[in-house]
Amino acid sequence: MNHKTFTMTVILTTFAAAMWFGYLFASDRIGGGEFFLYMAATIPALLLFRILYSLILRNRRP
């Protein structure tokens, strides 16, 4: 995964997470602390996704 693709993935995933967790926060299903923790948890998840994707892609090449 090149840098441009990963950057777009991060931007889109962060936006989607903000919309979803923002909805849960606005509808009073989660508190402010939970919102912060859930948003902070998206970063390690994206890094794990990038590592796994790179390993899979590397193993497919001849």
PDB file of N, CA and C in Angstrom:
ATOM      1  N   MET A   1       0.858  -1.161   0.000  1.00  0.00           N
ATOM      2  CA  MET A   1       0.000   0.000   0.000  1.00  0.00           C
ATOM      3  C   MET A   1       0.907   1.227   0.000  1.00  0.00           C
ATOM      4  N   ASN A   2       0.729   2.072  -1.002  1.00  0.00           N
ATOM      5  CA  ASN A   2       1.569   3.253  -1.051  1.00  0.00           C
ATOM      6  C   ASN A   2       1.047   4.330  -0.095  1.00  0.00           C
ATOM      7  N   HIS A   3       1.818   5.385   0.047  1.00  0.00           N
ATOM      8  CA  HIS A   3       1.503   6.424   1.029  1.00  0.00           C
ATOM      9  C   HIS A   3       0.185   7.139   0.702  1.00  0.00           C
ATOM     10  N   LYS A   4      -0.054   7.400  -0.571  1.00  0.00           N
ATOM     11  CA  LYS A   4      -1.269   8.118  -0.973  1.00  0.00           C
ATOM     12  C   LYS A   4      -2.517   7.297  -0.657  1.00  0.00           C
ATOM     13  N   THR A   5      -2.486   6.020  -0.942  1.00  0.00           N
ATOM     14  CA  THR A   5      -3.625   5.150  -0.661  1.00  0.00           C
ATOM     15  C   THR A   5      -3.876   5.050   0.835  1.00  0.00           C
ATOM     16  N   PHE A   6      -2.809   4.905   1.607  1.00  0.00           N
ATOM     17  CA  PHE A   6      -2.973   4.816   3.052  1.00  0.00           C
ATOM     18  C   PHE A   6      -3.515   6.120   3.627  1.00  0.00           C
ATOM     19  N   THR A   7      -3.047   7.253   3.124  1.00  0.00           N
ATOM     20  CA  THR A   7      -3.536   8.548   3.605  1.00  0.00           C
ATOM     21  C   THR A   7      -5.024   8.699   3.327  1.00  0.00           C
ATOM     22  N   MET A   8      -5.463   8.317   2.149  1.00  0.00           N
ATOM     23  CA  MET A   8      -6.894   8.399   1.832  1.00  0.00           C
ATOM     24  C   MET A   8      -7.703   7.447   2.705  1.00  0.00           C
ATOM     25  N   THR A   9      -7.165   6.269   2.983  1.00  0.00           N
ATOM     26  CA  THR A   9      -7.843   5.320   3.868  1.00  0.00           C
ATOM     27  C   THR A   9      -7.988   5.897   5.264  1.00  0.00           C
ATOM     28  N   VAL A  10      -6.941   6.528   5.763  1.00  0.00           N
ATOM     29  CA  VAL A  10      -6.993   7.141   7.092  1.00  0.00           C
ATOM     30  C   VAL A  10      -8.026   8.258   7.134  1.00  0.00           C
ATOM     31  N   ILE A  11      -8.032   9.112   6.128  1.00  0.00           N
ATOM     32  CA  ILE A  11      -8.976  10.231   6.101  1.00  0.00           C
ATOM     33  C   ILE A  11     -10.410   9.725   6.054  1.00  0.00           C
ATOM     34  N   LEU A  12     -10.703   8.790   5.176  1.00  0.00           N
ATOM     35  CA  LEU A  12     -12.071   8.289   5.037  1.00  0.00           C
ATOM     36  C   LEU A  12     -12.523   7.506   6.263  1.00  0.00           C
ATOM     37  N   THR A  13     -11.638   6.696   6.824  1.00  0.00           N
ATOM     38  CA  THR A  13     -11.999   5.925   8.011  1.00  0.00           C
ATOM     39  C   THR A  13     -12.206   6.825   9.214  1.00  0.00           C
ATOM     40  N   THR A  14     -11.357   7.825   9.377  1.00  0.00           N
ATOM     41  CA  THR A  14     -11.512   8.760  10.487  1.00  0.00           C
ATOM     42  C   THR A  14     -12.806   9.547  10.348  1.00  0.00           C
ATOM     43  N   PHE A  15     -13.137   9.962   9.135  1.00  0.00           N
ATOM     44  CA  PHE A  15     -14.389  10.676   8.906  1.00  0.00           C
ATOM     45  C   PHE A  15     -15.587   9.789   9.225  1.00  0.00           C
ATOM     46  N   ALA A  16     -15.544   8.540   8.765  1.00  0.00           N
ATOM     47  CA  ALA A  16     -16.652   7.618   9.039  1.00  0.00           C
ATOM     48  C   ALA A  16     -16.777   7.339  10.532  1.00  0.00           C
ATOM     49  N   ALA A  17     -15.651   7.174  11.212  1.00  0.00           N
ATOM     50  CA  ALA A  17     -15.685   6.937  12.659  1.00  0.00           C
ATOM     51  C   ALA A  17     -16.229   8.149  13.392  1.00  0.00           C
ATOM     52  N   ALA A  18     -15.823   9.342  12.971  1.00  0.00           N
ATOM     53  CA  ALA A  18     -16.324  10.560  13.613  1.00  0.00           C
ATOM     54  C   ALA A  18     -17.829  10.700  13.415  1.00  0.00           C
ATOM     55  N   MET A  19     -18.305  10.354  12.237  1.00  0.00           N
ATOM     56  CA  MET A  19     -19.749  10.443  11.981  1.00  0.00           C
ATOM     57  C   MET A  19     -20.506   9.424  12.833  1.00  0.00           C
ATOM     58  N   TRP A  20     -20.025   8.200  12.894  1.00  0.00           N
ATOM     59  CA  TRP A  20     -20.723   7.151  13.639  1.00  0.00           C
ATOM     60  C   TRP A  20     -20.667   7.405  15.137  1.00  0.00           C
ATOM     61  N   PHE A  21     -19.466   7.647  15.657  1.00  0.00           N
ATOM     62  CA  PHE A  21     -19.348   7.879  17.096  1.00  0.00           C
ATOM     63  C   PHE A  21     -19.969   9.216  17.489  1.00  0.00           C
ATOM     64  N   GLY A  22     -19.939  10.188  16.593  1.00  0.00           N
ATOM     65  CA  GLY A  22     -20.623  11.456  16.845  1.00  0.00           C
ATOM     66  C   GLY A  22     -22.123  11.261  16.944  1.00  0.00           C
ATOM     67  N   TYR A  23     -22.665  10.405  16.091  1.00  0.00           N
ATOM     68  CA  TYR A  23     -24.092  10.085  16.170  1.00  0.00           C
ATOM     69  C   TYR A  23     -24.421   9.428  17.507  1.00  0.00           C
ATOM     70  N   LEU A  24     -23.592   8.473  17.920  1.00  0.00           N
ATOM     71  CA  LEU A  24     -23.835   7.811  19.205  1.00  0.00           C
ATOM     72  C   LEU A  24     -23.722   8.795  20.365  1.00  0.00           C
ATOM     73  N   PHE A  25     -22.788   9.739  20.276  1.00  0.00           N
ATOM     74  CA  PHE A  25     -22.627  10.745  21.322  1.00  0.00           C
ATOM     75  C   PHE A  25     -23.814  11.708  21.328  1.00  0.00           C
ATOM     76  N   ALA A  26     -24.235  12.152  20.147  1.00  0.00           N
ATOM     77  CA  ALA A  26     -25.346  13.104  20.060  1.00  0.00           C
ATOM     78  C   ALA A  26     -26.660  12.472  20.495  1.00  0.00           C
ATOM     79  N   SER A  27     -26.827  11.186  20.245  1.00  0.00           N
ATOM     80  CA  SER A  27     -28.057  10.513  20.662  1.00  0.00           C
ATOM     81  C   SER A  27     -27.965  10.032  22.110  1.00  0.00           C
ATOM     82  N   ASP A  28     -26.904  10.432  22.806  1.00  0.00           N
ATOM     83  CA  ASP A  28     -26.705  10.167  24.234  1.00  0.00           C
ATOM     84  C   ASP A  28     -26.589   8.673  24.537  1.00  0.00           C
ATOM     85  N   ARG A  29     -25.991   7.935  23.624  1.00  0.00           N
ATOM     86  CA  ARG A  29     -25.748   6.506  23.865  1.00  0.00           C
ATOM     87  C   ARG A  29     -24.360   6.265  24.435  1.00  0.00           C
ATOM     88  N   ILE A  30     -23.429   7.191  24.185  1.00  0.00           N
ATOM     89  CA  ILE A  30     -22.098   7.119  24.780  1.00  0.00           C
ATOM     90  C   ILE A  30     -21.754   8.493  25.342  1.00  0.00           C
ATOM     91  N   GLY A  31     -20.828   8.508  26.290  1.00  0.00           N
ATOM     92  CA  GLY A  31     -20.394   9.762  26.890  1.00  0.00           C
ATOM     93  C   GLY A  31     -19.196  10.343  26.152  1.00  0.00           C
ATOM     94  N   GLY A  32     -18.740  11.493  26.618  1.00  0.00           N
ATOM     95  CA  GLY A  32     -17.612  12.162  25.984  1.00  0.00           C
ATOM     96  C   GLY A  32     -16.319  11.380  26.100  1.00  0.00           C
ATOM     97  N   GLY A  33     -16.099  10.740  27.250  1.00  0.00           N
ATOM     98  CA  GLY A  33     -14.887   9.942  27.429  1.00  0.00           C
ATOM     99  C   GLY A  33     -14.861   8.739  26.517  1.00  0.00           C
ATOM    100  N   GLU A  34     -15.993   8.096  26.375  1.00  0.00           N
ATOM    101  CA  GLU A  34     -16.073   6.941  25.467  1.00  0.00           C
ATOM    102  C   GLU A  34     -15.860   7.376  24.021  1.00  0.00           C
ATOM    103  N   PHE A  35     -16.422   8.529  23.655  1.00  0.00           N
ATOM    104  CA  PHE A  35     -16.226   9.053  22.303  1.00  0.00           C
ATOM    105  C   PHE A  35     -14.738   9.251  22.030  1.00  0.00           C
ATOM    106  N   PHE A  36     -14.043   9.861  22.988  1.00  0.00           N
ATOM    107  CA  PHE A  36     -12.610  10.099  22.824  1.00  0.00           C
ATOM    108  C   PHE A  36     -11.844   8.786  22.697  1.00  0.00           C
ATOM    109  N   LEU A  37     -12.156   7.811  23.541  1.00  0.00           N
ATOM    110  CA  LEU A  37     -11.448   6.535  23.493  1.00  0.00           C
ATOM    111  C   LEU A  37     -11.724   5.778  22.196  1.00  0.00           C
ATOM    112  N   TYR A  38     -12.965   5.799  21.738  1.00  0.00           N
ATOM    113  CA  TYR A  38     -13.289   5.115  20.487  1.00  0.00           C
ATOM    114  C   TYR A  38     -12.577   5.765  19.305  1.00  0.00           C
ATOM    115  N   MET A  39     -12.519   7.092  19.308  1.00  0.00           N
ATOM    116  CA  MET A  39     -11.826   7.769  18.215  1.00  0.00           C
ATOM    117  C   MET A  39     -10.324   7.488  18.281  1.00  0.00           C
ATOM    118  N   ALA A  40      -9.772   7.455  19.488  1.00  0.00           N
ATOM    119  CA  ALA A  40      -8.345   7.158  19.634  1.00  0.00           C
ATOM    120  C   ALA A  40      -8.041   5.718  19.218  1.00  0.00           C
ATOM    121  N   ALA A  41      -8.997   4.821  19.365  1.00  0.00           N
ATOM    122  CA  ALA A  41      -8.789   3.414  19.010  1.00  0.00           C
ATOM    123  C   ALA A  41      -8.775   3.192  17.502  1.00  0.00           C
ATOM    124  N   THR A  42      -9.255   4.154  16.718  1.00  0.00           N
ATOM    125  CA  THR A  42      -9.232   3.971  15.270  1.00  0.00           C
ATOM    126  C   THR A  42      -7.811   4.024  14.716  1.00  0.00           C
ATOM    127  N   ILE A  43      -6.911   4.761  15.382  1.00  0.00           N
ATOM    128  CA  ILE A  43      -5.544   4.891  14.871  1.00  0.00           C
ATOM    129  C   ILE A  43      -4.781   3.563  14.948  1.00  0.00           C
ATOM    130  N   PRO A  44      -4.734   2.880  16.098  1.00  0.00           N
ATOM    131  CA  PRO A  44      -4.058   1.570  16.102  1.00  0.00           C
ATOM    132  C   PRO A  44      -4.726   0.559  15.175  1.00  0.00           C
ATOM    133  N   ALA A  45      -6.033   0.649  15.030  1.00  0.00           N
ATOM    134  CA  ALA A  45      -6.727  -0.270  14.125  1.00  0.00           C
ATOM    135  C   ALA A  45      -6.285  -0.036  12.682  1.00  0.00           C
ATOM    136  N   LEU A  46      -6.123   1.216  12.293  1.00  0.00           N
ATOM    137  CA  LEU A  46      -5.654   1.515  10.939  1.00  0.00           C
ATOM    138  C   LEU A  46      -4.217   1.050  10.728  1.00  0.00           C
ATOM    139  N   LEU A  47      -3.378   1.221  11.730  1.00  0.00           N
ATOM    140  CA  LEU A  47      -1.997   0.755  11.599  1.00  0.00           C
ATOM    141  C   LEU A  47      -1.937  -0.767  11.491  1.00  0.00           C
ATOM    142  N   LEU A  48      -2.751  -1.454  12.264  1.00  0.00           N
ATOM    143  CA  LEU A  48      -2.816  -2.910  12.169  1.00  0.00           C
ATOM    144  C   LEU A  48      -3.312  -3.334  10.793  1.00  0.00           C
ATOM    145  N   PHE A  49      -4.314  -2.640  10.269  1.00  0.00           N
ATOM    146  CA  PHE A  49      -4.821  -2.922   8.928  1.00  0.00           C
ATOM    147  C   PHE A  49      -3.714  -2.745   7.892  1.00  0.00           C
ATOM    148  N   ARG A  50      -2.932  -1.677   8.027  1.00  0.00           N
ATOM    149  CA  ARG A  50      -1.863  -1.439   7.059  1.00  0.00           C
ATOM    150  C   ARG A  50      -0.805  -2.531   7.123  1.00  0.00           C
ATOM    151  N   ILE A  51      -0.445  -2.954   8.312  1.00  0.00           N
ATOM    152  CA  ILE A  51       0.564  -4.007   8.461  1.00  0.00           C
ATOM    153  C   ILE A  51       0.067  -5.316   7.854  1.00  0.00           C
ATOM    154  N   LEU A  52      -1.160  -5.697   8.182  1.00  0.00           N
ATOM    155  CA  LEU A  52      -1.705  -6.947   7.641  1.00  0.00           C
ATOM    156  C   LEU A  52      -1.856  -6.888   6.131  1.00  0.00           C
ATOM    157  N   TYR A  53      -2.322  -5.756   5.610  1.00  0.00           N
ATOM    158  CA  TYR A  53      -2.487  -5.604   4.171  1.00  0.00           C
ATOM    159  C   TYR A  53      -1.138  -5.698   3.463  1.00  0.00           C
ATOM    160  N   SER A  54      -0.112  -5.090   4.039  1.00  0.00           N
ATOM    161  CA  SER A  54       1.219  -5.148   3.436  1.00  0.00           C
ATOM    162  C   SER A  54       1.762  -6.572   3.429  1.00  0.00           C
ATOM    163  N   LEU A  55       1.531  -7.300   4.505  1.00  0.00           N
ATOM    164  CA  LEU A  55       1.996  -8.688   4.557  1.00  0.00           C
ATOM    165  C   LEU A  55       1.281  -9.554   3.531  1.00  0.00           C
ATOM    166  N   ILE A  56      -0.015  -9.374   3.390  1.00  0.00           N
ATOM    167  CA  ILE A  56      -0.780 -10.146   2.410  1.00  0.00           C
ATOM    168  C   ILE A  56      -0.337  -9.793   1.004  1.00  0.00           C
ATOM    169  N   LEU A  57      -0.174  -8.498   0.746  1.00  0.00           N
ATOM    170  CA  LEU A  57       0.231  -8.059  -0.583  1.00  0.00           C
ATOM    171  C   LEU A  57       1.639  -8.536  -0.917  1.00  0.00           C
ATOM    172  N   ARG A  58       2.529  -8.530   0.048  1.00  0.00           N
ATOM    173  CA  ARG A  58       3.904  -8.970  -0.182  1.00  0.00           C
ATOM    174  C   ARG A  58       3.941 -10.460  -0.501  1.00  0.00           C
ATOM    175  N   ASN A  59       3.090 -11.244   0.121  1.00  0.00           N
ATOM    176  CA  ASN A  59       3.080 -12.687  -0.121  1.00  0.00           C
ATOM    177  C   ASN A  59       2.447 -13.053  -1.451  1.00  0.00           C
ATOM    178  N   ARG A  60       1.665 -12.179  -2.042  1.00  0.00           N
ATOM    179  CA  ARG A  60       1.039 -12.472  -3.335  1.00  0.00           C
ATOM    180  C   ARG A  60       1.973 -12.251  -4.504  1.00  0.00           C
ATOM    181  N   ARG A  61       2.946 -11.383  -4.347  1.00  0.00           N
ATOM    182  CA  ARG A  61       3.840 -11.068  -5.459  1.00  0.00           C
ATOM    183  C   ARG A  61       4.785 -12.234  -5.728  1.00  0.00           C
ATOM    184  N   PRO A  62       5.082 -12.481  -7.008  1.00  0.00           N
ATOM    185  CA  PRO A  62       5.983 -13.596  -7.338  1.00  0.00           C
ATOM    186  C   PRO A  62       7.418 -13.309  -6.964  1.00  0.00           C
TER     187      PRO A  62
END
